[in-house]
Amino acid sequence: MNRSTVRAGVVIVSLGALLGGYAVSQAQMAHVGSGDIVADRQRLMKLNGASARDMNDKLKAGQIEAIGVNAETIAINALHIPVLFPQGSMTDKSNAKPEIWEKRADFEAAAKTLQVKAEELRDAARAKDQAKVEALMKDFGRQTCVNCHNTFRKPIS
C-alpha cells in the first residue's frame, strides 16, 4: 500500500467520524447538559431574561451597538428551546403548561419567532440603526416573550 492510499484512508475515516458526530438526534441533544432537563431549560430562560434586561439598560444608556451581543445570545438560545421541552418533561418543578406538547407546532413557531426577532434586532444593532433598534425593542418583549409565556408558561407566584 502506498502513502497516498494510506493518507486517503485516514482522511476518509476521520471525515466519517467527524460527520458522524454531527448526526445527533433531538433525543440525544436532550441529554446534553446537567442531566436535569427542567433545570437546563430554566437556566436558558433566565439567561434570556437577563439578556433582555441588559438590552433595555443598554437602550436607555444609548449603547445601541452593544445590544447586538444580547440579541445574538437570545437568538442562539431560541434554537435550543424546542429541544429542551421533550415529551414527558413536565414536572412539578416546571412552570411549563401542557399546551407546549398539545400545540407543539405553535410552540416551535413561537421559538422560531423569538429567534427571527432577535436576529433582526442583532442586525439593526450591529448596523447602528438607532431608529430600527428602538422600534424593534418597543415590541420585542410583548411580541415574543410575553405572548409565548402567556400561552405556554404557568403564571409565577
Protein backbone atom coordinates (compact mmCIF):
# COMPACT_ATOMS: atom_id res chain seq x y z
CA MET A 1 0.00 0.00 0.00
CA ASN A 2 1.46 3.38 -0.96
CA ARG A 3 1.45 6.52 1.18
CA SER A 4 -1.27 8.33 -0.73
CA THR A 5 -3.65 5.38 -0.33
CA VAL A 6 -3.00 5.31 3.42
CA ARG A 7 -3.48 9.10 3.68
CA ALA A 8 -6.73 8.91 1.71
CA GLY A 9 -7.96 6.17 4.03
CA VAL A 10 -7.10 8.18 7.12
CA VAL A 11 -8.84 11.25 5.70
CA ILE A 12 -11.98 9.28 4.83
CA VAL A 13 -12.16 7.59 8.25
CA SER A 14 -11.54 10.92 10.02
CA LEU A 15 -14.16 12.70 7.94
CA GLY A 16 -16.67 9.93 8.60
CA ALA A 17 -16.04 10.13 12.33
CA LEU A 18 -16.37 13.91 12.27
CA LEU A 19 -19.60 13.88 10.28
CA GLY A 20 -20.97 11.05 12.39
CA GLY A 21 -20.57 13.29 15.42
CA TYR A 22 -22.93 15.82 13.84
CA ALA A 23 -25.67 13.28 13.23
CA VAL A 24 -27.22 13.87 16.66
CA SER A 25 -30.93 13.39 17.12
CA GLN A 26 -33.17 15.63 19.21
CA ALA A 27 -33.43 12.84 21.77
CA GLN A 28 -29.66 12.75 22.08
CA MET A 29 -29.43 16.54 22.32
CA ALA A 30 -31.90 16.47 25.18
CA HIS A 31 -29.24 14.62 27.18
CA VAL A 32 -26.66 17.39 26.76
CA GLY A 33 -26.36 19.50 29.86
CA SER A 34 -26.74 18.75 33.54
CA GLY A 35 -28.96 15.72 33.07
CA ASP A 36 -31.88 17.67 34.55
CA ILE A 37 -33.78 18.94 31.51
CA VAL A 38 -36.04 21.21 33.58
CA ALA A 39 -33.07 22.87 35.31
CA ASP A 40 -31.32 23.27 31.96
CA ARG A 41 -34.28 24.99 30.32
CA GLN A 42 -34.84 27.20 33.37
CA ARG A 43 -31.19 28.32 33.17
CA LEU A 44 -31.60 29.08 29.47
CA MET A 45 -34.76 31.11 30.09
CA LYS A 46 -33.09 33.02 32.94
CA LEU A 47 -30.22 33.83 30.60
CA ASN A 48 -32.74 35.14 28.07
CA GLY A 49 -34.39 37.26 30.77
CA ALA A 50 -31.03 38.68 31.88
CA SER A 51 -30.12 39.41 28.25
CA ALA A 52 -33.44 41.19 27.69
CA ARG A 53 -32.96 43.32 30.83
CA ASP A 54 -29.42 44.15 29.73
CA MET A 55 -30.71 45.16 26.28
CA ASN A 56 -33.20 47.54 27.89
CA ASP A 57 -30.47 49.05 30.07
CA LYS A 58 -28.20 49.50 27.04
CA LEU A 59 -31.04 51.10 25.08
CA LYS A 60 -31.63 53.60 27.90
CA ALA A 61 -27.89 54.34 28.01
CA GLY A 62 -27.76 54.87 24.23
CA GLN A 63 -25.45 51.87 23.70
CA ILE A 64 -27.24 50.71 20.56
CA GLU A 65 -24.45 48.62 19.06
CA ALA A 66 -23.87 46.77 22.37
CA ILE A 67 -27.42 45.38 22.23
CA GLY A 68 -26.29 43.09 19.41
CA VAL A 69 -24.48 40.72 21.77
CA ASN A 70 -27.57 40.19 23.90
CA ALA A 71 -29.80 39.76 20.88
CA GLU A 72 -27.38 37.18 19.46
CA THR A 73 -27.48 35.27 22.76
CA ILE A 74 -31.28 35.17 22.67
CA ALA A 75 -31.31 34.12 19.00
CA ILE A 76 -28.95 31.23 19.69
CA ASN A 77 -30.87 30.20 22.79
CA ALA A 78 -34.12 30.21 20.81
CA LEU A 79 -32.72 27.43 18.63
CA HIS A 80 -32.47 25.21 21.72
CA ILE A 81 -35.87 25.90 23.24
CA PRO A 82 -37.86 23.12 21.49
CA VAL A 83 -35.21 20.52 22.31
CA LEU A 84 -35.36 21.45 25.99
CA PHE A 85 -39.06 20.55 26.15
CA PRO A 86 -39.18 16.87 25.17
CA GLN A 87 -42.40 14.91 25.58
CA GLY A 88 -42.82 13.79 29.18
CA SER A 89 -40.68 16.51 30.76
CA MET A 90 -43.49 18.30 32.59
CA THR A 91 -42.85 18.10 36.32
CA ASP A 92 -43.97 19.86 39.49
CA LYS A 93 -40.82 21.99 39.45
CA SER A 94 -41.60 23.23 35.94
CA ASN A 95 -43.79 26.18 35.01
CA ALA A 96 -44.46 24.67 31.60
CA LYS A 97 -48.10 24.30 30.58
CA PRO A 98 -49.36 21.15 28.84
CA GLU A 99 -50.06 23.34 25.79
CA ILE A 100 -46.37 23.02 24.90
CA TRP A 101 -46.94 19.40 23.95
CA GLU A 102 -50.60 19.72 22.93
CA LYS A 103 -49.82 22.56 20.49
CA ARG A 104 -46.28 21.58 19.59
CA ALA A 105 -46.25 23.28 16.18
CA ASP A 106 -47.36 26.57 17.78
CA PHE A 107 -44.70 26.23 20.47
CA GLU A 108 -41.97 25.62 17.92
CA ALA A 109 -43.25 28.54 15.84
CA ALA A 110 -43.03 30.79 18.91
CA ALA A 111 -39.40 29.75 19.44
CA LYS A 112 -38.69 30.45 15.76
CA THR A 113 -40.33 33.88 16.06
CA LEU A 114 -38.08 34.65 19.03
CA GLN A 115 -35.04 33.63 17.01
CA VAL A 116 -36.03 35.72 13.97
CA LYS A 117 -36.93 38.82 16.01
CA ALA A 118 -33.69 38.56 18.00
CA GLU A 119 -31.69 38.24 14.77
CA GLU A 120 -33.43 41.33 13.33
CA LEU A 121 -32.57 43.22 16.50
CA ARG A 122 -28.97 41.97 16.41
CA ASP A 123 -28.56 43.06 12.80
CA ALA A 124 -30.05 46.51 13.44
CA ALA A 125 -27.79 46.97 16.47
CA ARG A 126 -24.69 45.94 14.52
CA ALA A 127 -25.68 48.41 11.79
CA LYS A 128 -26.04 51.11 14.49
CA ASP A 129 -29.55 51.82 13.21
CA GLN A 130 -30.91 53.52 16.30
CA ALA A 131 -34.41 54.13 14.93
CA LYS A 132 -34.84 50.48 13.93
CA VAL A 133 -33.40 49.21 17.22
CA GLU A 134 -35.77 51.42 19.18
CA ALA A 135 -38.75 50.24 17.10
CA LEU A 136 -37.79 46.58 17.47
CA MET A 137 -37.12 46.93 21.20
CA LYS A 138 -40.50 48.57 21.73
CA ASP A 139 -42.34 45.40 20.77
CA PHE A 140 -39.66 42.75 21.37
CA GLY A 141 -40.81 41.66 24.81
CA ARG A 142 -44.53 41.84 24.03
CA GLN A 143 -44.45 40.08 20.68
CA THR A 144 -42.05 37.37 21.67
CA CYS A 145 -41.55 36.72 25.35
CA VAL A 146 -44.91 37.74 26.79
CA ASN A 147 -47.03 36.09 24.08
CA CYS A 148 -45.16 32.81 24.46
CA HIS A 149 -45.21 32.95 28.26
CA ASN A 150 -48.94 33.69 28.36
CA THR A 151 -49.64 30.70 26.16
CA PHE A 152 -47.08 28.16 27.32
CA ARG A 153 -45.97 29.06 30.87
CA LYS A 154 -47.89 28.99 34.13
CA PRO A 155 -48.01 32.29 35.99
CA ILE A 156 -45.20 32.55 38.52
CA SER A 157 -46.47 33.25 42.00
